[in-house]
Amino acid sequence: YADSVKGRFTISRDNAKNTVYLQMNSLKPEDTAVYYCAAVQTT
């Protein structure tokens, strides 16, 4: 996690559903943005 979101955001994934999640709690005005997900194949 980025330091700015550590302890507030949680990333998780369900490979059976081909879905990744971002749970965002204790949101702040500085969290305002367009959020993108991205994928990269790794070994």
PDB file of all heavy atoms in Angstrom:
ATOM      1  N   TYR A   1       0.826  -1.204   0.000  1.00  0.00           N
ATOM      2  CA  TYR A   1       0.000   0.000   0.000  1.00  0.00           C
ATOM      3  C   TYR A   1       0.861   1.254   0.000  1.00  0.00           C
ATOM      4  O   TYR A   1       1.955   1.281   0.586  1.00  0.00           O
ATOM      5  CB  TYR A   1      -0.897   0.024   1.242  1.00  0.00           C
ATOM      6  CG  TYR A   1      -1.871  -1.122   1.313  1.00  0.00           C
ATOM      7  CD1 TYR A   1      -1.542  -2.306   1.962  1.00  0.00           C
ATOM      8  CD2 TYR A   1      -3.127  -1.022   0.710  1.00  0.00           C
ATOM      9  CE1 TYR A   1      -2.432  -3.369   2.017  1.00  0.00           C
ATOM     10  CE2 TYR A   1      -4.022  -2.069   0.757  1.00  0.00           C
ATOM     11  CZ  TYR A   1      -3.666  -3.243   1.410  1.00  0.00           C
ATOM     12  OH  TYR A   1      -4.552  -4.283   1.455  1.00  0.00           O
ATOM     13  N   ALA A   2       0.345   2.287  -0.612  1.00  0.00           N
ATOM     14  CA  ALA A   2       0.964   3.599  -0.473  1.00  0.00           C
ATOM     15  C   ALA A   2       0.801   4.050   0.976  1.00  0.00           C
ATOM     16  O   ALA A   2      -0.194   3.724   1.629  1.00  0.00           O
ATOM     17  CB  ALA A   2       0.304   4.594  -1.417  1.00  0.00           C
ATOM     18  N   ASP A   3       1.753   4.814   1.452  1.00  0.00           N
ATOM     19  CA  ASP A   3       1.690   5.276   2.843  1.00  0.00           C
ATOM     20  C   ASP A   3       0.429   6.077   3.120  1.00  0.00           C
ATOM     21  O   ASP A   3      -0.129   6.026   4.222  1.00  0.00           O
ATOM     22  CB  ASP A   3       2.926   6.123   3.165  1.00  0.00           C
ATOM     23  CG  ASP A   3       4.194   5.295   3.286  1.00  0.00           C
ATOM     24  OD1 ASP A   3       4.088   4.060   3.444  1.00  0.00           O
ATOM     25  OD2 ASP A   3       5.287   5.887   3.205  1.00  0.00           O
ATOM     26  N   SER A   4      -0.039   6.785   2.118  1.00  0.00           N
ATOM     27  CA  SER A   4      -1.197   7.670   2.303  1.00  0.00           C
ATOM     28  C   SER A   4      -2.495   6.915   2.552  1.00  0.00           C
ATOM     29  O   SER A   4      -3.465   7.495   3.045  1.00  0.00           O
ATOM     30  CB  SER A   4      -1.360   8.583   1.083  1.00  0.00           C
ATOM     31  OG  SER A   4      -1.514   7.812  -0.093  1.00  0.00           O
ATOM     32  N   VAL A   5      -2.532   5.626   2.211  1.00  0.00           N
ATOM     33  CA  VAL A   5      -3.774   4.867   2.374  1.00  0.00           C
ATOM     34  C   VAL A   5      -3.620   3.691   3.340  1.00  0.00           C
ATOM     35  O   VAL A   5      -4.603   3.019   3.655  1.00  0.00           O
ATOM     36  CB  VAL A   5      -4.302   4.347   1.020  1.00  0.00           C
ATOM     37  CG1 VAL A   5      -4.430   5.491   0.019  1.00  0.00           C
ATOM     38  CG2 VAL A   5      -3.413   3.239   0.465  1.00  0.00           C
ATOM     39  N   LYS A   6      -2.408   3.462   3.794  1.00  0.00           N
ATOM     40  CA  LYS A   6      -2.152   2.324   4.670  1.00  0.00           C
ATOM     41  C   LYS A   6      -3.017   2.417   5.922  1.00  0.00           C
ATOM     42  O   LYS A   6      -3.114   3.464   6.553  1.00  0.00           O
ATOM     43  CB  LYS A   6      -0.670   2.299   5.034  1.00  0.00           C
ATOM     44  CG  LYS A   6      -0.137   0.955   5.471  1.00  0.00           C
ATOM     45  CD  LYS A   6       1.371   1.004   5.600  1.00  0.00           C
ATOM     46  CE  LYS A   6       2.055   1.212   4.266  1.00  0.00           C
ATOM     47  NZ  LYS A   6       3.535   1.187   4.388  1.00  0.00           N
ATOM     48  N   GLY A   7      -3.658   1.313   6.272  1.00  0.00           N
ATOM     49  CA  GLY A   7      -4.531   1.270   7.436  1.00  0.00           C
ATOM     50  C   GLY A   7      -5.960   1.685   7.147  1.00  0.00           C
ATOM     51  O   GLY A   7      -6.843   1.488   7.979  1.00  0.00           O
ATOM     52  N   ARG A   8      -6.198   2.276   5.965  1.00  0.00           N
ATOM     53  CA  ARG A   8      -7.554   2.699   5.601  1.00  0.00           C
ATOM     54  C   ARG A   8      -8.104   1.907   4.422  1.00  0.00           C
ATOM     55  O   ARG A   8      -9.309   1.652   4.355  1.00  0.00           O
ATOM     56  CB  ARG A   8      -7.562   4.190   5.244  1.00  0.00           C
ATOM     57  CG  ARG A   8      -7.102   5.102   6.357  1.00  0.00           C
ATOM     58  CD  ARG A   8      -7.318   6.574   5.983  1.00  0.00           C
ATOM     59  NE  ARG A   8      -6.524   6.984   4.824  1.00  0.00           N
ATOM     60  CZ  ARG A   8      -7.049   7.506   3.708  1.00  0.00           C
ATOM     61  NH1 ARG A   8      -8.362   7.685   3.607  1.00  0.00           N
ATOM     62  NH2 ARG A   8      -6.260   7.877   2.715  1.00  0.00           N
ATOM     63  N   PHE A   9      -7.247   1.527   3.478  1.00  0.00           N
ATOM     64  CA  PHE A   9      -7.660   0.800   2.280  1.00  0.00           C
ATOM     65  C   PHE A   9      -7.191  -0.647   2.373  1.00  0.00           C
ATOM     66  O   PHE A   9      -6.128  -0.942   2.940  1.00  0.00           O
ATOM     67  CB  PHE A   9      -7.047   1.426   1.034  1.00  0.00           C
ATOM     68  CG  PHE A   9      -7.570   2.795   0.665  1.00  0.00           C
ATOM     69  CD1 PHE A   9      -8.378   3.531   1.521  1.00  0.00           C
ATOM     70  CD2 PHE A   9      -7.252   3.347  -0.565  1.00  0.00           C
ATOM     71  CE1 PHE A   9      -8.857   4.783   1.170  1.00  0.00           C
ATOM     72  CE2 PHE A   9      -7.719   4.589  -0.931  1.00  0.00           C
ATOM     73  CZ  PHE A   9      -8.512   5.311  -0.063  1.00  0.00           C
ATOM     74  N   THR A  10      -7.982  -1.532   1.756  1.00  0.00           N
ATOM     75  CA  THR A  10      -7.619  -2.946   1.695  1.00  0.00           C
ATOM     76  C   THR A  10      -7.857  -3.465   0.286  1.00  0.00           C
ATOM     77  O   THR A  10      -8.971  -3.339  -0.241  1.00  0.00           O
ATOM     78  CB  THR A  10      -8.439  -3.783   2.682  1.00  0.00           C
ATOM     79  OG1 THR A  10      -8.246  -3.284   4.018  1.00  0.00           O
ATOM     80  CG2 THR A  10      -8.004  -5.244   2.637  1.00  0.00           C
ATOM     81  N   ILE A  11      -6.832  -4.051  -0.302  1.00  0.00           N
ATOM     82  CA  ILE A  11      -6.961  -4.666  -1.623  1.00  0.00           C
ATOM     83  C   ILE A  11      -7.121  -6.168  -1.437  1.00  0.00           C
ATOM     84  O   ILE A  11      -6.496  -6.776  -0.563  1.00  0.00           O
ATOM     85  CB  ILE A  11      -5.745  -4.332  -2.520  1.00  0.00           C
ATOM     86  CG1 ILE A  11      -5.980  -4.811  -3.947  1.00  0.00           C
ATOM     87  CG2 ILE A  11      -4.458  -4.896  -1.936  1.00  0.00           C
ATOM     88  CD1 ILE A  11      -4.924  -4.326  -4.937  1.00  0.00           C
ATOM     89  N   SER A  12      -7.974  -6.760  -2.259  1.00  0.00           N
ATOM     90  CA  SER A  12      -8.176  -8.210  -2.209  1.00  0.00           C
ATOM     91  C   SER A  12      -8.572  -8.681  -3.599  1.00  0.00           C
ATOM     92  O   SER A  12      -8.879  -7.871  -4.478  1.00  0.00           O
ATOM     93  CB  SER A  12      -9.260  -8.578  -1.185  1.00  0.00           C
ATOM     94  OG  SER A  12     -10.507  -7.997  -1.531  1.00  0.00           O
ATOM     95  N   ARG A  13      -8.562  -9.981  -3.793  1.00  0.00           N
ATOM     96  CA  ARG A  13      -8.946 -10.517  -5.090  1.00  0.00           C
ATOM     97  C   ARG A  13      -9.634 -11.853  -4.915  1.00  0.00           C
ATOM     98  O   ARG A  13      -9.387 -12.584  -3.952  1.00  0.00           O
ATOM     99  CB  ARG A  13      -7.726 -10.662  -6.006  1.00  0.00           C
ATOM    100  CG  ARG A  13      -6.711 -11.691  -5.577  1.00  0.00           C
ATOM    101  CD  ARG A  13      -5.448 -11.583  -6.430  1.00  0.00           C
ATOM    102  NE  ARG A  13      -5.705 -11.942  -7.826  1.00  0.00           N
ATOM    103  CZ  ARG A  13      -4.901 -11.585  -8.834  1.00  0.00           C
ATOM    104  NH1 ARG A  13      -3.810 -10.859  -8.596  1.00  0.00           N
ATOM    105  NH2 ARG A  13      -5.188 -11.955 -10.071  1.00  0.00           N
ATOM    106  N   ASP A  14     -10.496 -12.148  -5.869  1.00  0.00           N
ATOM    107  CA  ASP A  14     -11.186 -13.438  -5.931  1.00  0.00           C
ATOM    108  C   ASP A  14     -10.910 -13.997  -7.322  1.00  0.00           C
ATOM    109  O   ASP A  14     -11.548 -13.594  -8.296  1.00  0.00           O
ATOM    110  CB  ASP A  14     -12.682 -13.244  -5.682  1.00  0.00           C
ATOM    111  CG  ASP A  14     -13.429 -14.560  -5.615  1.00  0.00           C
ATOM    112  OD1 ASP A  14     -12.928 -15.576  -6.142  1.00  0.00           O
ATOM    113  OD2 ASP A  14     -14.532 -14.574  -5.057  1.00  0.00           O
ATOM    114  N   ASN A  15      -9.951 -14.898  -7.417  1.00  0.00           N
ATOM    115  CA  ASN A  15      -9.563 -15.411  -8.730  1.00  0.00           C
ATOM    116  C   ASN A  15     -10.676 -16.251  -9.375  1.00  0.00           C
ATOM    117  O   ASN A  15     -10.748 -16.352 -10.593  1.00  0.00           O
ATOM    118  CB  ASN A  15      -8.276 -16.224  -8.620  1.00  0.00           C
ATOM    119  CG  ASN A  15      -7.063 -15.340  -8.407  1.00  0.00           C
ATOM    120  OD1 ASN A  15      -7.108 -14.124  -8.637  1.00  0.00           O
ATOM    121  ND2 ASN A  15      -5.968 -15.927  -7.955  1.00  0.00           N
ATOM    122  N   ALA A  16     -11.528 -16.823  -8.563  1.00  0.00           N
ATOM    123  CA  ALA A  16     -12.643 -17.593  -9.115  1.00  0.00           C
ATOM    124  C   ALA A  16     -13.643 -16.678  -9.816  1.00  0.00           C
ATOM    125  O   ALA A  16     -14.338 -17.107 -10.744  1.00  0.00           O
ATOM    126  CB  ALA A  16     -13.330 -18.373  -8.007  1.00  0.00           C
ATOM    127  N   LYS A  17     -13.717 -15.423  -9.368  1.00  0.00           N
ATOM    128  CA  LYS A  17     -14.646 -14.455  -9.962  1.00  0.00           C
ATOM    129  C   LYS A  17     -13.935 -13.468 -10.886  1.00  0.00           C
ATOM    130  O   LYS A  17     -14.558 -12.541 -11.402  1.00  0.00           O
ATOM    131  CB  LYS A  17     -15.380 -13.688  -8.867  1.00  0.00           C
ATOM    132  CG  LYS A  17     -16.283 -14.552  -8.008  1.00  0.00           C
ATOM    133  CD  LYS A  17     -17.036 -13.704  -6.991  1.00  0.00           C
ATOM    134  CE  LYS A  17     -17.991 -14.580  -6.171  1.00  0.00           C
ATOM    135  NZ  LYS A  17     -18.730 -13.770  -5.153  1.00  0.00           N
ATOM    136  N   ASN A  18     -12.623 -13.643 -11.058  1.00  0.00           N
ATOM    137  CA  ASN A  18     -11.846 -12.730 -11.914  1.00  0.00           C
ATOM    138  C   ASN A  18     -12.038 -11.275 -11.501  1.00  0.00           C
ATOM    139  O   ASN A  18     -12.202 -10.389 -12.360  1.00  0.00           O
ATOM    140  CB  ASN A  18     -12.222 -12.899 -13.386  1.00  0.00           C
ATOM    141  CG  ASN A  18     -11.676 -14.181 -13.979  1.00  0.00           C
ATOM    142  OD1 ASN A  18     -11.002 -14.948 -13.294  1.00  0.00           O
ATOM    143  ND2 ASN A  18     -11.980 -14.414 -15.231  1.00  0.00           N
ATOM    144  N   THR A  19     -12.002 -11.030 -10.221  1.00  0.00           N
ATOM    145  CA  THR A  19     -12.297  -9.691  -9.714  1.00  0.00           C
ATOM    146  C   THR A  19     -11.304  -9.301  -8.623  1.00  0.00           C
ATOM    147  O   THR A  19     -10.925 -10.127  -7.789  1.00  0.00           O
ATOM    148  CB  THR A  19     -13.731  -9.623  -9.156  1.00  0.00           C
ATOM    149  OG1 THR A  19     -14.650  -9.998 -10.182  1.00  0.00           O
ATOM    150  CG2 THR A  19     -14.068  -8.212  -8.690  1.00  0.00           C
ATOM    151  N   VAL A  20     -10.902  -8.033  -8.669  1.00  0.00           N
ATOM    152  CA  VAL A  20     -10.088  -7.464  -7.607  1.00  0.00           C
ATOM    153  C   VAL A  20     -10.880  -6.322  -6.975  1.00  0.00           C
ATOM    154  O   VAL A  20     -11.650  -5.639  -7.656  1.00  0.00           O
ATOM    155  CB  VAL A  20      -8.719  -6.992  -8.145  1.00  0.00           C
ATOM    156  CG1 VAL A  20      -8.874  -5.870  -9.152  1.00  0.00           C
ATOM    157  CG2 VAL A  20      -7.794  -6.577  -7.012  1.00  0.00           C
ATOM    158  N   TYR A  21     -10.697  -6.135  -5.685  1.00  0.00           N
ATOM    159  CA  TYR A  21     -11.469  -5.155  -4.929  1.00  0.00           C
ATOM    160  C   TYR A  21     -10.544  -4.165  -4.226  1.00  0.00           C
ATOM    161  O   TYR A  21      -9.390  -4.459  -3.928  1.00  0.00           O
ATOM    162  CB  TYR A  21     -12.330  -5.858  -3.864  1.00  0.00           C
ATOM    163  CG  TYR A  21     -13.220  -6.932  -4.409  1.00  0.00           C
ATOM    164  CD1 TYR A  21     -12.818  -8.272  -4.376  1.00  0.00           C
ATOM    165  CD2 TYR A  21     -14.456  -6.633  -4.954  1.00  0.00           C
ATOM    166  CE1 TYR A  21     -13.639  -9.279  -4.870  1.00  0.00           C
ATOM    167  CE2 TYR A  21     -15.280  -7.630  -5.462  1.00  0.00           C
ATOM    168  CZ  TYR A  21     -14.865  -8.949  -5.412  1.00  0.00           C
ATOM    169  OH  TYR A  21     -15.676  -9.926  -5.910  1.00  0.00           O
ATOM    170  N   LEU A  22     -11.094  -2.998  -3.966  1.00  0.00           N
ATOM    171  CA  LEU A  22     -10.411  -2.023  -3.127  1.00  0.00           C
ATOM    172  C   LEU A  22     -11.433  -1.488  -2.136  1.00  0.00           C
ATOM    173  O   LEU A  22     -12.327  -0.723  -2.509  1.00  0.00           O
ATOM    174  CB  LEU A  22      -9.812  -0.882  -3.943  1.00  0.00           C
ATOM    175  CG  LEU A  22      -8.960   0.104  -3.131  1.00  0.00           C
ATOM    176  CD1 LEU A  22      -7.693  -0.569  -2.625  1.00  0.00           C
ATOM    177  CD2 LEU A  22      -8.609   1.340  -3.966  1.00  0.00           C
ATOM    178  N   GLN A  23     -11.321  -1.925  -0.894  1.00  0.00           N
ATOM    179  CA  GLN A  23     -12.172  -1.424   0.171  1.00  0.00           C
ATOM    180  C   GLN A  23     -11.535  -0.166   0.742  1.00  0.00           C
ATOM    181  O   GLN A  23     -10.396  -0.205   1.214  1.00  0.00           O
ATOM    182  CB  GLN A  23     -12.343  -2.476   1.274  1.00  0.00           C
ATOM    183  CG  GLN A  23     -13.181  -2.022   2.444  1.00  0.00           C
ATOM    184  CD  GLN A  23     -14.629  -1.790   2.077  1.00  0.00           C
ATOM    185  OE1 GLN A  23     -15.233  -2.571   1.355  1.00  0.00           O
ATOM    186  NE2 GLN A  23     -15.199  -0.690   2.560  1.00  0.00           N
ATOM    187  N   MET A  24     -12.280   0.929   0.687  1.00  0.00           N
ATOM    188  CA  MET A  24     -11.751   2.217   1.126  1.00  0.00           C
ATOM    189  C   MET A  24     -12.569   2.710   2.306  1.00  0.00           C
ATOM    190  O   MET A  24     -13.769   2.972   2.174  1.00  0.00           O
ATOM    191  CB  MET A  24     -11.802   3.230  -0.025  1.00  0.00           C
ATOM    192  CG  MET A  24     -11.101   2.744  -1.283  1.00  0.00           C
ATOM    193  SD  MET A  24     -11.019   4.002  -2.578  1.00  0.00           S
ATOM    194  CE  MET A  24     -12.740   4.193  -2.964  1.00  0.00           C
ATOM    195  N   ASN A  25     -11.938   2.824   3.446  1.00  0.00           N
ATOM    196  CA  ASN A  25     -12.578   3.304   4.673  1.00  0.00           C
ATOM    197  C   ASN A  25     -11.960   4.616   5.114  1.00  0.00           C
ATOM    198  O   ASN A  25     -10.863   4.977   4.674  1.00  0.00           O
ATOM    199  CB  ASN A  25     -12.439   2.255   5.776  1.00  0.00           C
ATOM    200  CG  ASN A  25     -13.093   0.935   5.441  1.00  0.00           C
ATOM    201  OD1 ASN A  25     -14.095   0.889   4.733  1.00  0.00           O
ATOM    202  ND2 ASN A  25     -12.528  -0.150   5.944  1.00  0.00           N
ATOM    203  N   SER A  26     -12.650   5.310   5.985  1.00  0.00           N
ATOM    204  CA  SER A  26     -12.156   6.583   6.538  1.00  0.00           C
ATOM    205  C   SER A  26     -11.687   7.511   5.430  1.00  0.00           C
ATOM    206  O   SER A  26     -10.598   8.091   5.489  1.00  0.00           O
ATOM    207  CB  SER A  26     -11.007   6.324   7.529  1.00  0.00           C
ATOM    208  OG  SER A  26     -11.431   5.473   8.576  1.00  0.00           O
ATOM    209  N   LEU A  27     -12.513   7.653   4.419  1.00  0.00           N
ATOM    210  CA  LEU A  27     -12.124   8.442   3.249  1.00  0.00           C
ATOM    211  C   LEU A  27     -11.950   9.912   3.598  1.00  0.00           C
ATOM    212  O   LEU A  27     -12.654  10.463   4.461  1.00  0.00           O
ATOM    213  CB  LEU A  27     -13.165   8.277   2.151  1.00  0.00           C
ATOM    214  CG  LEU A  27     -13.055   6.948   1.380  1.00  0.00           C
ATOM    215  CD1 LEU A  27     -14.342   6.648   0.638  1.00  0.00           C
ATOM    216  CD2 LEU A  27     -11.884   6.998   0.423  1.00  0.00           C
ATOM    217  N   LYS A  28     -10.999  10.533   2.911  1.00  0.00           N
ATOM    218  CA  LYS A  28     -10.662  11.933   3.107  1.00  0.00           C
ATOM    219  C   LYS A  28     -10.847  12.689   1.794  1.00  0.00           C
ATOM    220  O   LYS A  28     -10.760  12.087   0.720  1.00  0.00           O
ATOM    221  CB  LYS A  28      -9.200  12.055   3.550  1.00  0.00           C
ATOM    222  CG  LYS A  28      -8.838  11.252   4.779  1.00  0.00           C
ATOM    223  CD  LYS A  28      -7.346  11.342   5.055  1.00  0.00           C
ATOM    224  CE  LYS A  28      -6.950  10.513   6.263  1.00  0.00           C
ATOM    225  NZ  LYS A  28      -5.478  10.595   6.528  1.00  0.00           N
ATOM    226  N   PRO A  29     -11.071  13.991   1.862  1.00  0.00           N
ATOM    227  CA  PRO A  29     -11.198  14.759   0.610  1.00  0.00           C
ATOM    228  C   PRO A  29      -9.985  14.584  -0.319  1.00  0.00           C
ATOM    229  O   PRO A  29     -10.160  14.593  -1.550  1.00  0.00           O
ATOM    230  CB  PRO A  29     -11.323  16.201   1.110  1.00  0.00           C
ATOM    231  CG  PRO A  29     -11.961  16.066   2.448  1.00  0.00           C
ATOM    232  CD  PRO A  29     -11.371  14.816   3.040  1.00  0.00           C
ATOM    233  N   GLU A  30      -8.819  14.396   0.239  1.00  0.00           N
ATOM    234  CA  GLU A  30      -7.623  14.216  -0.596  1.00  0.00           C
ATOM    235  C   GLU A  30      -7.581  12.868  -1.317  1.00  0.00           C
ATOM    236  O   GLU A  30      -6.702  12.637  -2.143  1.00  0.00           O
ATOM    237  CB  GLU A  30      -6.341  14.407   0.215  1.00  0.00           C
ATOM    238  CG  GLU A  30      -6.277  13.615   1.505  1.00  0.00           C
ATOM    239  CD  GLU A  30      -6.707  14.435   2.714  1.00  0.00           C
ATOM    240  OE1 GLU A  30      -7.708  15.185   2.623  1.00  0.00           O
ATOM    241  OE2 GLU A  30      -6.028  14.317   3.761  1.00  0.00           O
ATOM    242  N   ASP A  31      -8.533  11.995  -1.012  1.00  0.00           N
ATOM    243  CA  ASP A  31      -8.651  10.730  -1.755  1.00  0.00           C
ATOM    244  C   ASP A  31      -9.438  10.917  -3.053  1.00  0.00           C
ATOM    245  O   ASP A  31      -9.532   9.974  -3.856  1.00  0.00           O
ATOM    246  CB  ASP A  31      -9.354   9.673  -0.908  1.00  0.00           C
ATOM    247  CG  ASP A  31      -8.538   9.249   0.307  1.00  0.00           C
ATOM    248  OD1 ASP A  31      -7.311   9.085   0.173  1.00  0.00           O
ATOM    249  OD2 ASP A  31      -9.146   9.077   1.392  1.00  0.00           O
ATOM    250  N   THR A  32      -9.977  12.093  -3.261  1.00  0.00           N
ATOM    251  CA  THR A  32     -10.740  12.369  -4.475  1.00  0.00           C
ATOM    252  C   THR A  32      -9.853  12.229  -5.711  1.00  0.00           C
ATOM    253  O   THR A  32      -8.792  12.839  -5.800  1.00  0.00           O
ATOM    254  CB  THR A  32     -11.334  13.786  -4.417  1.00  0.00           C
ATOM    255  OG1 THR A  32     -12.277  13.849  -3.348  1.00  0.00           O
ATOM    256  CG2 THR A  32     -12.022  14.141  -5.728  1.00  0.00           C
ATOM    257  N   ALA A  33     -10.291  11.401  -6.643  1.00  0.00           N
ATOM    258  CA  ALA A  33      -9.510  11.130  -7.851  1.00  0.00           C
ATOM    259  C   ALA A  33     -10.283  10.161  -8.727  1.00  0.00           C
ATOM    260  O   ALA A  33     -11.296   9.590  -8.305  1.00  0.00           O
ATOM    261  CB  ALA A  33      -8.150  10.521  -7.489  1.00  0.00           C
ATOM    262  N   VAL A  34      -9.772   9.962  -9.927  1.00  0.00           N
ATOM    263  CA  VAL A  34     -10.222   8.848 -10.758  1.00  0.00           C
ATOM    264  C   VAL A  34      -9.353   7.649 -10.394  1.00  0.00           C
ATOM    265  O   VAL A  34      -8.124   7.745 -10.397  1.00  0.00           O
ATOM    266  CB  VAL A  34     -10.103   9.158 -12.255  1.00  0.00           C
ATOM    267  CG1 VAL A  34     -10.532   7.945 -13.082  1.00  0.00           C
ATOM    268  CG2 VAL A  34     -10.961  10.372 -12.607  1.00  0.00           C
ATOM    269  N   TYR A  35     -10.004   6.545 -10.076  1.00  0.00           N
ATOM    270  CA  TYR A  35      -9.303   5.332  -9.678  1.00  0.00           C
ATOM    271  C   TYR A  35      -9.293   4.335 -10.829  1.00  0.00           C
ATOM    272  O   TYR A  35     -10.319   4.075 -11.454  1.00  0.00           O
ATOM    273  CB  TYR A  35      -9.971   4.718  -8.448  1.00  0.00           C
ATOM    274  CG  TYR A  35      -9.630   5.450  -7.176  1.00  0.00           C
ATOM    275  CD1 TYR A  35     -10.136   6.727  -6.931  1.00  0.00           C
ATOM    276  CD2 TYR A  35      -8.785   4.885  -6.222  1.00  0.00           C
ATOM    277  CE1 TYR A  35      -9.814   7.417  -5.762  1.00  0.00           C
ATOM    278  CE2 TYR A  35      -8.456   5.569  -5.055  1.00  0.00           C
ATOM    279  CZ  TYR A  35      -8.969   6.827  -4.838  1.00  0.00           C
ATOM    280  OH  TYR A  35      -8.648   7.501  -3.684  1.00  0.00           O
ATOM    281  N   TYR A  36      -8.109   3.791 -11.065  1.00  0.00           N
ATOM    282  CA  TYR A  36      -7.912   2.834 -12.149  1.00  0.00           C
ATOM    283  C   TYR A  36      -7.384   1.513 -11.604  1.00  0.00           C
ATOM    284  O   TYR A  36      -6.551   1.511 -10.710  1.00  0.00           O
ATOM    285  CB  TYR A  36      -6.878   3.360 -13.146  1.00  0.00           C
ATOM    286  CG  TYR A  36      -7.221   4.662 -13.815  1.00  0.00           C
ATOM    287  CD1 TYR A  36      -6.855   5.879 -13.232  1.00  0.00           C
ATOM    288  CD2 TYR A  36      -7.891   4.688 -15.039  1.00  0.00           C
ATOM    289  CE1 TYR A  36      -7.157   7.078 -13.846  1.00  0.00           C
ATOM    290  CE2 TYR A  36      -8.202   5.887 -15.658  1.00  0.00           C
ATOM    291  CZ  TYR A  36      -7.829   7.078 -15.051  1.00  0.00           C
ATOM    292  OH  TYR A  36      -8.132   8.264 -15.662  1.00  0.00           O
ATOM    293  N   CYS A  37      -7.860   0.420 -12.179  1.00  0.00           N
ATOM    294  CA  CYS A  37      -7.196  -0.841 -11.892  1.00  0.00           C
ATOM    295  C   CYS A  37      -6.332  -1.213 -13.089  1.00  0.00           C
ATOM    296  O   CYS A  37      -6.584  -0.771 -14.224  1.00  0.00           O
ATOM    297  CB  CYS A  37      -8.180  -1.955 -11.562  1.00  0.00           C
ATOM    298  SG  CYS A  37      -9.168  -2.550 -12.924  1.00  0.00           S
ATOM    299  N   ALA A  38      -5.318  -2.010 -12.829  1.00  0.00           N
ATOM    300  CA  ALA A  38      -4.368  -2.382 -13.864  1.00  0.00           C
ATOM    301  C   ALA A  38      -3.872  -3.795 -13.616  1.00  0.00           C
ATOM    302  O   ALA A  38      -3.902  -4.286 -12.474  1.00  0.00           O
ATOM    303  CB  ALA A  38      -3.189  -1.405 -13.874  1.00  0.00           C
ATOM    304  N   ALA A  39      -3.409  -4.427 -14.691  1.00  0.00           N
ATOM    305  CA  ALA A  39      -2.970  -5.815 -14.616  1.00  0.00           C
ATOM    306  C   ALA A  39      -1.630  -5.986 -15.319  1.00  0.00           C
ATOM    307  O   ALA A  39      -1.383  -5.363 -16.360  1.00  0.00           O
ATOM    308  CB  ALA A  39      -4.005  -6.736 -15.256  1.00  0.00           C
ATOM    309  N   VAL A  40      -0.795  -6.842 -14.749  1.00  0.00           N
ATOM    310  CA  VAL A  40       0.468  -7.192 -15.377  1.00  0.00           C
ATOM    311  C   VAL A  40       0.771  -8.649 -15.060  1.00  0.00           C
ATOM    312  O   VAL A  40       0.621  -9.098 -13.923  1.00  0.00           O
ATOM    313  CB  VAL A  40       1.610  -6.269 -14.905  1.00  0.00           C
ATOM    314  CG1 VAL A  40       1.798  -6.321 -13.396  1.00  0.00           C
ATOM    315  CG2 VAL A  40       2.916  -6.614 -15.616  1.00  0.00           C
ATOM    316  N   GLN A  41       1.205  -9.365 -16.082  1.00  0.00           N
ATOM    317  CA  GLN A  41       1.533 -10.781 -15.873  1.00  0.00           C
ATOM    318  C   GLN A  41       2.884 -10.882 -15.172  1.00  0.00           C
ATOM    319  O   GLN A  41       3.838 -10.187 -15.547  1.00  0.00           O
ATOM    320  CB  GLN A  41       1.566 -11.522 -17.200  1.00  0.00           C
ATOM    321  CG  GLN A  41       1.541 -13.030 -17.051  1.00  0.00           C
ATOM    322  CD  GLN A  41       1.251 -13.722 -18.355  1.00  0.00           C
ATOM    323  OE1 GLN A  41       1.449 -13.161 -19.435  1.00  0.00           O
ATOM    324  NE2 GLN A  41       0.762 -14.945 -18.279  1.00  0.00           N
ATOM    325  N   THR A  42       2.960 -11.707 -14.154  1.00  0.00           N
ATOM    326  CA  THR A  42       4.212 -11.877 -13.419  1.00  0.00           C
ATOM    327  C   THR A  42       4.578 -13.360 -13.342  1.00  0.00           C
ATOM    328  O   THR A  42       3.721 -14.226 -13.444  1.00  0.00           O
ATOM    329  CB  THR A  42       4.119 -11.309 -11.996  1.00  0.00           C
ATOM    330  OG1 THR A  42       3.050 -11.969 -11.298  1.00  0.00           O
ATOM    331  CG2 THR A  42       3.853  -9.812 -12.019  1.00  0.00           C
ATOM    332  N   THR A  43       5.866 -13.591 -13.160  1.00  0.00           N
ATOM    333  CA  THR A  43       6.363 -14.962 -13.118  1.00  0.00           C
ATOM    334  C   THR A  43       6.104 -15.625 -11.766  1.00  0.00           C
ATOM    335  O   THR A  43       5.735 -16.806 -11.691  1.00  0.00           O
ATOM    336  CB  THR A  43       7.867 -14.989 -13.414  1.00  0.00           C
ATOM    337  OG1 THR A  43       8.093 -14.412 -14.705  1.00  0.00           O
ATOM    338  CG2 THR A  43       8.421 -16.413 -13.375  1.00  0.00           C
TER     339      THR A  43
END
